[in-house]
Amino acid sequence: MNPRLHSAQDADTLQVDVAISYSSITPGCACEADPTPMSELPEFATLRIRIRRDTAEATLRVLDN
């Protein structure tokens, strides 16, 4: 799978939209004798990364999925 969804550039910036997959952890209540085990949940997000050419400053924004 190609995680790059879209890219664009101009004289000042580079921009790329990427898809990332990761696992989050949902713990129980952390109480003594808690019967709820920790579980991993598959997650997905789309990010827009913009990089300024003159300073290499990068910004990331989460896009609506």
N, C-alpha and C. Protein backbone atom coordinates (compact mmCIF):
# COMPACT_ATOMS: atom_id res chain seq x y z
N MET A 1 0.84 -1.18 0.00
CA MET A 1 0.00 0.00 0.00
C MET A 1 0.88 1.24 0.00
N ASN A 2 0.57 2.18 -0.84
CA ASN A 2 1.29 3.44 -0.90
C ASN A 2 0.65 4.40 0.09
N PRO A 3 1.36 4.79 1.16
CA PRO A 3 0.75 5.67 2.15
C PRO A 3 0.59 7.11 1.68
N ARG A 4 1.23 7.48 0.56
CA ARG A 4 1.09 8.86 0.07
C ARG A 4 -0.20 8.95 -0.75
N LEU A 5 -1.10 9.83 -0.34
CA LEU A 5 -2.37 9.98 -1.00
C LEU A 5 -2.38 11.12 -2.01
N HIS A 6 -1.61 12.16 -1.71
CA HIS A 6 -1.60 13.35 -2.55
C HIS A 6 -0.33 14.13 -2.25
N SER A 7 0.23 14.76 -3.26
CA SER A 7 1.37 15.64 -3.02
C SER A 7 1.27 16.85 -3.93
N ALA A 8 1.85 17.95 -3.47
CA ALA A 8 1.86 19.19 -4.24
C ALA A 8 3.07 20.00 -3.79
N GLN A 9 3.51 20.89 -4.66
CA GLN A 9 4.62 21.76 -4.30
C GLN A 9 4.51 23.07 -5.07
N ASP A 10 5.09 24.09 -4.47
CA ASP A 10 5.24 25.37 -5.15
C ASP A 10 6.60 25.93 -4.76
N ALA A 11 6.84 27.17 -5.04
CA ALA A 11 8.15 27.76 -4.77
C ALA A 11 8.46 27.84 -3.28
N ASP A 12 7.43 27.88 -2.44
CA ASP A 12 7.64 28.07 -1.01
C ASP A 12 7.47 26.81 -0.16
N THR A 13 6.63 25.88 -0.58
CA THR A 13 6.30 24.74 0.27
C THR A 13 6.20 23.42 -0.49
N LEU A 14 6.41 22.36 0.27
CA LEU A 14 6.11 21.01 -0.17
C LEU A 14 4.94 20.54 0.68
N GLN A 15 4.00 19.83 0.09
CA GLN A 15 2.85 19.35 0.84
C GLN A 15 2.55 17.91 0.43
N VAL A 16 2.29 17.07 1.43
CA VAL A 16 1.95 15.68 1.14
C VAL A 16 0.88 15.23 2.13
N ASP A 17 -0.11 14.51 1.63
CA ASP A 17 -1.12 13.88 2.47
C ASP A 17 -0.75 12.40 2.58
N VAL A 18 -0.67 11.91 3.80
CA VAL A 18 -0.27 10.52 4.03
C VAL A 18 -1.28 9.81 4.91
N ALA A 19 -1.39 8.51 4.71
CA ALA A 19 -2.25 7.66 5.53
C ALA A 19 -1.37 6.88 6.49
N ILE A 20 -1.74 6.85 7.76
CA ILE A 20 -0.98 6.08 8.73
C ILE A 20 -1.91 5.12 9.45
N SER A 21 -1.38 3.96 9.76
CA SER A 21 -2.09 2.97 10.56
C SER A 21 -1.28 2.71 11.81
N TYR A 22 -1.95 2.56 12.93
CA TYR A 22 -1.26 2.33 14.19
C TYR A 22 -2.22 1.62 15.15
N SER A 23 -1.71 1.17 16.26
CA SER A 23 -2.53 0.53 17.28
C SER A 23 -2.53 1.40 18.53
N SER A 24 -3.71 1.63 19.07
CA SER A 24 -3.82 2.34 20.34
C SER A 24 -4.11 1.31 21.42
N ILE A 25 -3.84 1.68 22.64
CA ILE A 25 -4.06 0.78 23.77
C ILE A 25 -5.13 1.36 24.66
N THR A 26 -6.14 0.56 24.95
CA THR A 26 -7.20 0.96 25.87
C THR A 26 -7.02 0.16 27.15
N PRO A 27 -6.57 0.81 28.21
CA PRO A 27 -6.38 0.08 29.46
C PRO A 27 -7.69 -0.08 30.21
N GLY A 28 -7.68 -0.99 31.17
CA GLY A 28 -8.82 -1.10 32.08
C GLY A 28 -8.80 0.09 33.01
N CYS A 29 -9.49 0.02 34.11
CA CYS A 29 -9.56 1.17 35.01
C CYS A 29 -8.32 1.27 35.91
N ALA A 30 -7.41 0.30 35.83
CA ALA A 30 -6.17 0.27 36.61
C ALA A 30 -6.44 0.11 38.09
N CYS A 31 -7.60 -0.40 38.43
CA CYS A 31 -7.91 -0.69 39.83
C CYS A 31 -7.37 -2.07 40.20
N GLU A 32 -7.12 -2.27 41.46
CA GLU A 32 -6.66 -3.58 41.90
C GLU A 32 -7.73 -4.61 41.58
N ALA A 33 -7.31 -5.74 41.06
CA ALA A 33 -8.20 -6.85 40.68
C ALA A 33 -9.16 -6.47 39.55
N ASP A 34 -8.76 -5.51 38.71
CA ASP A 34 -9.59 -5.12 37.57
C ASP A 34 -9.63 -6.28 36.57
N PRO A 35 -10.79 -6.80 36.23
CA PRO A 35 -10.86 -7.92 35.29
C PRO A 35 -10.73 -7.50 33.83
N THR A 36 -10.75 -6.19 33.56
CA THR A 36 -10.68 -5.71 32.19
C THR A 36 -9.23 -5.69 31.72
N PRO A 37 -8.87 -6.50 30.75
CA PRO A 37 -7.49 -6.49 30.26
C PRO A 37 -7.25 -5.29 29.33
N MET A 38 -5.98 -4.94 29.17
CA MET A 38 -5.64 -3.93 28.19
C MET A 38 -5.85 -4.54 26.82
N SER A 39 -6.32 -3.74 25.87
CA SER A 39 -6.54 -4.25 24.53
C SER A 39 -6.01 -3.26 23.50
N GLU A 40 -5.51 -3.79 22.40
CA GLU A 40 -5.04 -2.96 21.30
C GLU A 40 -6.16 -2.79 20.29
N LEU A 41 -6.31 -1.57 19.80
CA LEU A 41 -7.32 -1.27 18.79
C LEU A 41 -6.64 -0.73 17.54
N PRO A 42 -6.97 -1.26 16.37
CA PRO A 42 -6.39 -0.71 15.14
C PRO A 42 -6.97 0.67 14.87
N GLU A 43 -6.10 1.60 14.51
CA GLU A 43 -6.51 2.98 14.24
C GLU A 43 -5.98 3.39 12.87
N PHE A 44 -6.56 4.45 12.32
CA PHE A 44 -6.17 4.96 11.01
C PHE A 44 -6.34 6.47 11.03
N ALA A 45 -5.42 7.19 10.41
CA ALA A 45 -5.54 8.64 10.31
C ALA A 45 -4.91 9.11 9.00
N THR A 46 -5.39 10.24 8.52
CA THR A 46 -4.81 10.88 7.35
C THR A 46 -4.21 12.21 7.81
N LEU A 47 -2.95 12.42 7.48
CA LEU A 47 -2.23 13.64 7.89
C LEU A 47 -1.83 14.45 6.66
N ARG A 48 -1.83 15.76 6.81
CA ARG A 48 -1.26 16.65 5.80
C ARG A 48 0.01 17.23 6.39
N ILE A 49 1.11 17.03 5.70
CA ILE A 49 2.41 17.53 6.13
C ILE A 49 2.82 18.64 5.16
N ARG A 50 3.11 19.82 5.70
CA ARG A 50 3.58 20.94 4.89
C ARG A 50 4.97 21.33 5.39
N ILE A 51 5.90 21.47 4.46
CA ILE A 51 7.28 21.82 4.80
C ILE A 51 7.64 23.09 4.05
N ARG A 52 8.07 24.10 4.81
CA ARG A 52 8.54 25.34 4.19
C ARG A 52 9.94 25.12 3.64
N ARG A 53 10.15 25.49 2.42
CA ARG A 53 11.46 25.28 1.78
C ARG A 53 12.56 26.13 2.40
N ASP A 54 12.25 27.35 2.81
CA ASP A 54 13.31 28.25 3.30
C ASP A 54 13.78 27.91 4.71
N THR A 55 12.91 27.36 5.55
CA THR A 55 13.30 27.09 6.94
C THR A 55 13.25 25.61 7.32
N ALA A 56 12.66 24.78 6.46
CA ALA A 56 12.44 23.36 6.74
C ALA A 56 11.45 23.15 7.89
N GLU A 57 10.73 24.20 8.27
CA GLU A 57 9.71 24.08 9.31
C GLU A 57 8.55 23.24 8.77
N ALA A 58 8.15 22.25 9.56
CA ALA A 58 7.07 21.36 9.14
C ALA A 58 5.86 21.53 10.03
N THR A 59 4.69 21.47 9.44
CA THR A 59 3.45 21.45 10.19
C THR A 59 2.67 20.20 9.79
N LEU A 60 1.99 19.62 10.77
CA LEU A 60 1.16 18.45 10.53
C LEU A 60 -0.27 18.78 10.92
N ARG A 61 -1.22 18.33 10.11
CA ARG A 61 -2.62 18.54 10.40
C ARG A 61 -3.36 17.24 10.17
N VAL A 62 -4.21 16.86 11.11
CA VAL A 62 -5.03 15.67 10.95
C VAL A 62 -6.23 16.04 10.07
N LEU A 63 -6.43 15.27 9.00
CA LEU A 63 -7.54 15.51 8.10
C LEU A 63 -8.72 14.64 8.49
N ASP A 64 -9.92 15.07 8.17
CA ASP A 64 -11.11 14.25 8.41
C ASP A 64 -11.05 13.01 7.53
N ASN A 65 -11.42 11.89 8.10
CA ASN A 65 -11.43 10.63 7.32
C ASN A 65 -12.83 10.32 6.87
